[in-house]
N, C-alpha and C. Protein backbone atom coordinates (compact mmCIF):
# COMPACT_ATOMS: atom_id res chain seq x y z
N MET A 1 -73.46 32.65 -23.36
CA MET A 1 -73.94 32.86 -22.01
C MET A 1 -75.40 32.45 -21.92
N THR A 2 -75.75 31.84 -20.81
CA THR A 2 -77.12 31.41 -20.59
C THR A 2 -77.92 32.53 -19.94
N ILE A 3 -79.23 32.33 -19.84
CA ILE A 3 -80.10 33.31 -19.18
C ILE A 3 -79.67 33.49 -17.73
N GLU A 4 -79.32 32.39 -17.07
CA GLU A 4 -78.87 32.49 -15.68
C GLU A 4 -77.61 33.33 -15.57
N GLY A 5 -76.72 33.17 -16.53
CA GLY A 5 -75.49 33.95 -16.55
C GLY A 5 -75.76 35.43 -16.74
N ILE A 6 -76.69 35.75 -17.63
CA ILE A 6 -77.04 37.15 -17.87
C ILE A 6 -77.70 37.77 -16.66
N LEU A 7 -78.67 37.06 -16.06
CA LEU A 7 -79.34 37.59 -14.87
C LEU A 7 -78.37 37.73 -13.70
N GLY A 8 -77.49 36.76 -13.55
CA GLY A 8 -76.47 36.86 -12.50
C GLY A 8 -75.56 38.04 -12.72
N ALA A 9 -75.19 38.29 -13.98
CA ALA A 9 -74.32 39.42 -14.29
C ALA A 9 -75.02 40.75 -13.99
N VAL A 10 -76.32 40.82 -14.23
CA VAL A 10 -77.06 42.05 -13.94
C VAL A 10 -77.11 42.30 -12.43
N VAL A 11 -77.42 41.26 -11.67
CA VAL A 11 -77.49 41.41 -10.22
C VAL A 11 -76.12 41.77 -9.66
N ILE A 12 -75.10 41.04 -10.09
CA ILE A 12 -73.74 41.33 -9.65
C ILE A 12 -73.32 42.71 -10.14
N GLY A 13 -73.81 43.11 -11.31
CA GLY A 13 -73.48 44.42 -11.86
C GLY A 13 -73.88 45.58 -10.98
N LEU A 14 -74.95 45.41 -10.24
CA LEU A 14 -75.37 46.45 -9.31
C LEU A 14 -74.28 46.68 -8.26
N ILE A 15 -73.71 45.60 -7.79
CA ILE A 15 -72.65 45.68 -6.78
C ILE A 15 -71.33 46.09 -7.43
N ILE A 16 -71.08 45.57 -8.61
CA ILE A 16 -69.83 45.87 -9.32
C ILE A 16 -69.70 47.37 -9.60
N GLY A 17 -70.80 48.00 -9.98
CA GLY A 17 -70.77 49.44 -10.24
C GLY A 17 -70.36 50.23 -9.01
N ALA A 18 -70.92 49.86 -7.86
CA ALA A 18 -70.56 50.54 -6.62
C ALA A 18 -69.10 50.30 -6.27
N LEU A 19 -68.63 49.07 -6.44
CA LEU A 19 -67.22 48.77 -6.15
C LEU A 19 -66.29 49.50 -7.11
N GLY A 20 -66.67 49.56 -8.38
CA GLY A 20 -65.88 50.29 -9.37
C GLY A 20 -65.79 51.76 -9.04
N ARG A 21 -66.86 52.31 -8.53
CA ARG A 21 -66.86 53.73 -8.14
C ARG A 21 -65.97 53.96 -6.92
N LEU A 22 -65.95 52.99 -6.00
CA LEU A 22 -65.09 53.10 -4.83
C LEU A 22 -63.61 53.02 -5.18
N VAL A 23 -63.28 52.27 -6.23
CA VAL A 23 -61.89 52.09 -6.63
C VAL A 23 -61.33 53.37 -7.24
N VAL A 24 -62.16 54.14 -7.93
CA VAL A 24 -61.70 55.37 -8.59
C VAL A 24 -61.52 56.45 -7.53
N PRO A 25 -60.31 57.03 -7.45
CA PRO A 25 -60.08 58.06 -6.42
C PRO A 25 -60.80 59.36 -6.75
N GLY A 26 -61.09 60.10 -5.71
CA GLY A 26 -61.73 61.41 -5.88
C GLY A 26 -63.24 61.32 -5.93
N LYS A 27 -63.85 62.49 -6.13
CA LYS A 27 -65.30 62.57 -6.19
C LYS A 27 -65.76 62.42 -7.63
N GLN A 28 -66.75 61.58 -7.83
CA GLN A 28 -67.30 61.38 -9.16
C GLN A 28 -68.67 62.06 -9.23
N ASN A 29 -68.80 63.01 -10.13
CA ASN A 29 -70.07 63.72 -10.29
C ASN A 29 -70.92 63.05 -11.35
N ILE A 30 -71.28 61.79 -11.10
CA ILE A 30 -72.19 61.09 -11.99
C ILE A 30 -73.33 60.52 -11.15
N PRO A 31 -74.52 60.44 -11.73
CA PRO A 31 -75.65 59.93 -10.95
C PRO A 31 -75.52 58.44 -10.66
N ILE A 32 -76.21 58.00 -9.63
CA ILE A 32 -76.13 56.61 -9.20
C ILE A 32 -76.66 55.67 -10.28
N TRP A 33 -77.67 56.09 -11.02
CA TRP A 33 -78.22 55.21 -12.06
C TRP A 33 -77.17 54.93 -13.13
N LEU A 34 -76.32 55.93 -13.42
CA LEU A 34 -75.27 55.74 -14.41
C LEU A 34 -74.19 54.79 -13.88
N THR A 35 -73.91 54.88 -12.58
CA THR A 35 -72.97 53.96 -11.95
C THR A 35 -73.49 52.53 -12.05
N ILE A 36 -74.78 52.35 -11.84
CA ILE A 36 -75.39 51.02 -11.91
C ILE A 36 -75.31 50.48 -13.34
N VAL A 37 -75.60 51.33 -14.31
CA VAL A 37 -75.53 50.90 -15.72
C VAL A 37 -74.10 50.50 -16.08
N ILE A 38 -73.12 51.30 -15.64
CA ILE A 38 -71.72 50.97 -15.89
C ILE A 38 -71.38 49.63 -15.26
N GLY A 39 -71.85 49.39 -14.04
CA GLY A 39 -71.59 48.12 -13.36
C GLY A 39 -72.20 46.94 -14.09
N ILE A 40 -73.41 47.10 -14.59
CA ILE A 40 -74.07 46.02 -15.32
C ILE A 40 -73.32 45.71 -16.61
N VAL A 41 -72.94 46.75 -17.34
CA VAL A 41 -72.19 46.55 -18.58
C VAL A 41 -70.84 45.90 -18.29
N ALA A 42 -70.16 46.36 -17.24
CA ALA A 42 -68.86 45.78 -16.87
C ALA A 42 -69.02 44.32 -16.46
N ALA A 43 -70.09 44.00 -15.74
CA ALA A 43 -70.32 42.61 -15.34
C ALA A 43 -70.59 41.72 -16.55
N LEU A 44 -71.37 42.21 -17.49
CA LEU A 44 -71.66 41.43 -18.69
C LEU A 44 -70.40 41.22 -19.54
N ILE A 45 -69.62 42.28 -19.72
CA ILE A 45 -68.40 42.16 -20.51
C ILE A 45 -67.38 41.27 -19.80
N GLY A 46 -67.25 41.45 -18.49
CA GLY A 46 -66.32 40.63 -17.72
C GLY A 46 -66.70 39.16 -17.75
N SER A 47 -68.00 38.87 -17.68
CA SER A 47 -68.46 37.48 -17.77
C SER A 47 -68.20 36.90 -19.15
N ALA A 48 -68.38 37.73 -20.18
CA ALA A 48 -68.14 37.25 -21.54
C ALA A 48 -66.66 36.98 -21.78
N ILE A 49 -65.80 37.79 -21.19
CA ILE A 49 -64.36 37.61 -21.39
C ILE A 49 -63.84 36.42 -20.59
N VAL A 50 -64.18 36.36 -19.31
CA VAL A 50 -63.60 35.35 -18.42
C VAL A 50 -64.46 34.09 -18.35
N GLY A 51 -65.73 34.21 -18.61
CA GLY A 51 -66.65 33.09 -18.48
C GLY A 51 -66.22 31.80 -19.15
N PRO A 52 -65.85 31.83 -20.41
CA PRO A 52 -65.43 30.59 -21.07
C PRO A 52 -64.15 29.99 -20.50
N LEU A 53 -63.36 30.78 -19.79
CA LEU A 53 -62.09 30.31 -19.26
C LEU A 53 -62.21 29.67 -17.87
N ARG A 54 -63.34 29.90 -17.20
CA ARG A 54 -63.44 29.43 -15.81
C ARG A 54 -63.76 27.95 -15.74
N ASP A 55 -63.37 27.38 -14.61
CA ASP A 55 -63.59 25.96 -14.40
C ASP A 55 -64.16 25.67 -13.02
N THR A 56 -64.76 26.68 -12.38
CA THR A 56 -65.34 26.49 -11.06
C THR A 56 -66.85 26.66 -11.12
N ASP A 57 -67.53 26.06 -10.17
CA ASP A 57 -68.97 26.25 -10.06
C ASP A 57 -69.32 27.32 -9.04
N GLY A 58 -68.36 27.71 -8.23
CA GLY A 58 -68.58 28.71 -7.19
C GLY A 58 -68.20 30.10 -7.67
N LEU A 59 -67.81 30.92 -6.72
CA LEU A 59 -67.41 32.29 -7.00
C LEU A 59 -66.06 32.29 -7.70
N ASP A 60 -65.99 32.94 -8.84
CA ASP A 60 -64.75 33.02 -9.60
C ASP A 60 -64.11 34.38 -9.32
N TRP A 61 -63.04 34.36 -8.53
CA TRP A 61 -62.41 35.61 -8.10
C TRP A 61 -61.78 36.36 -9.25
N ILE A 62 -61.23 35.65 -10.22
CA ILE A 62 -60.63 36.32 -11.38
C ILE A 62 -61.70 37.09 -12.15
N GLU A 63 -62.84 36.47 -12.35
CA GLU A 63 -63.94 37.13 -13.05
C GLU A 63 -64.39 38.37 -12.29
N LEU A 64 -64.51 38.26 -10.97
CA LEU A 64 -64.93 39.39 -10.15
C LEU A 64 -63.93 40.54 -10.24
N ILE A 65 -62.65 40.23 -10.20
CA ILE A 65 -61.62 41.27 -10.29
C ILE A 65 -61.67 41.94 -11.66
N VAL A 66 -61.85 41.17 -12.71
CA VAL A 66 -61.95 41.74 -14.06
C VAL A 66 -63.18 42.64 -14.16
N GLN A 67 -64.30 42.22 -13.59
CA GLN A 67 -65.52 43.03 -13.63
C GLN A 67 -65.35 44.35 -12.88
N VAL A 68 -64.76 44.30 -11.70
CA VAL A 68 -64.54 45.53 -10.92
C VAL A 68 -63.57 46.45 -11.66
N ALA A 69 -62.52 45.89 -12.25
CA ALA A 69 -61.57 46.71 -13.01
C ALA A 69 -62.25 47.37 -14.20
N LEU A 70 -63.08 46.63 -14.91
CA LEU A 70 -63.82 47.21 -16.04
C LEU A 70 -64.78 48.31 -15.57
N ALA A 71 -65.42 48.10 -14.43
CA ALA A 71 -66.33 49.12 -13.89
C ALA A 71 -65.56 50.37 -13.49
N ALA A 72 -64.38 50.19 -12.89
CA ALA A 72 -63.56 51.35 -12.50
C ALA A 72 -63.13 52.14 -13.74
N VAL A 73 -62.73 51.43 -14.78
CA VAL A 73 -62.35 52.10 -16.03
C VAL A 73 -63.57 52.82 -16.62
N GLY A 74 -64.73 52.18 -16.57
CA GLY A 74 -65.96 52.80 -17.08
C GLY A 74 -66.34 54.05 -16.30
N VAL A 75 -66.24 53.99 -14.98
CA VAL A 75 -66.56 55.16 -14.15
C VAL A 75 -65.58 56.28 -14.43
N ALA A 76 -64.29 55.98 -14.48
CA ALA A 76 -63.27 57.00 -14.75
C ALA A 76 -63.47 57.63 -16.13
N ALA A 77 -63.77 56.80 -17.13
CA ALA A 77 -64.00 57.32 -18.48
C ALA A 77 -65.25 58.19 -18.53
N THR A 78 -66.29 57.78 -17.84
CA THR A 78 -67.54 58.56 -17.83
C THR A 78 -67.33 59.90 -17.15
N VAL A 79 -66.60 59.92 -16.04
CA VAL A 79 -66.32 61.18 -15.35
C VAL A 79 -65.49 62.09 -16.26
N ALA A 80 -64.50 61.53 -16.95
CA ALA A 80 -63.67 62.33 -17.85
C ALA A 80 -64.48 62.87 -19.02
N LEU A 81 -65.38 62.07 -19.57
CA LEU A 81 -66.19 62.51 -20.71
C LEU A 81 -67.23 63.55 -20.32
N ARG A 82 -67.73 63.43 -19.12
CA ARG A 82 -68.75 64.38 -18.67
C ARG A 82 -68.15 65.73 -18.28
N GLY A 83 -66.85 65.78 -18.10
CA GLY A 83 -66.17 67.04 -17.86
C GLY A 83 -66.50 67.70 -16.53
N GLY A 84 -66.88 66.93 -15.53
CA GLY A 84 -67.16 67.50 -14.21
C GLY A 84 -68.50 68.20 -14.10
N ARG A 85 -69.37 68.00 -15.07
CA ARG A 85 -70.69 68.60 -15.00
C ARG A 85 -71.47 68.02 -13.83
N THR A 86 -72.24 68.80 -13.17
CA THR A 86 -73.09 68.30 -12.09
C THR A 86 -74.48 68.07 -12.62
N THR A 87 -75.16 67.10 -12.04
CA THR A 87 -76.54 66.80 -12.44
C THR A 87 -77.48 67.18 -11.32
N ARG A 88 -78.66 67.53 -11.67
CA ARG A 88 -79.66 67.89 -10.67
C ARG A 88 -80.94 67.19 -10.95
């Protein structure tokens, strides 16, 4: 991955985290900063998985779907691991 790819994944990760949180049903008691971190990690992993397979210069919908799915799994796993604790 190039620097542009990494920076793009971070920026998209901010949005991916929010979308991943929306996909998970119910209320998630995790702070917004953790959602953003999950989105960034999901975007980077999704880009690493799908990136070499893509053949478009524009928006790659498969990559976006994989990133949102990874973010949703990350949010659900984080909520399950935190055990419903609230943060203040």
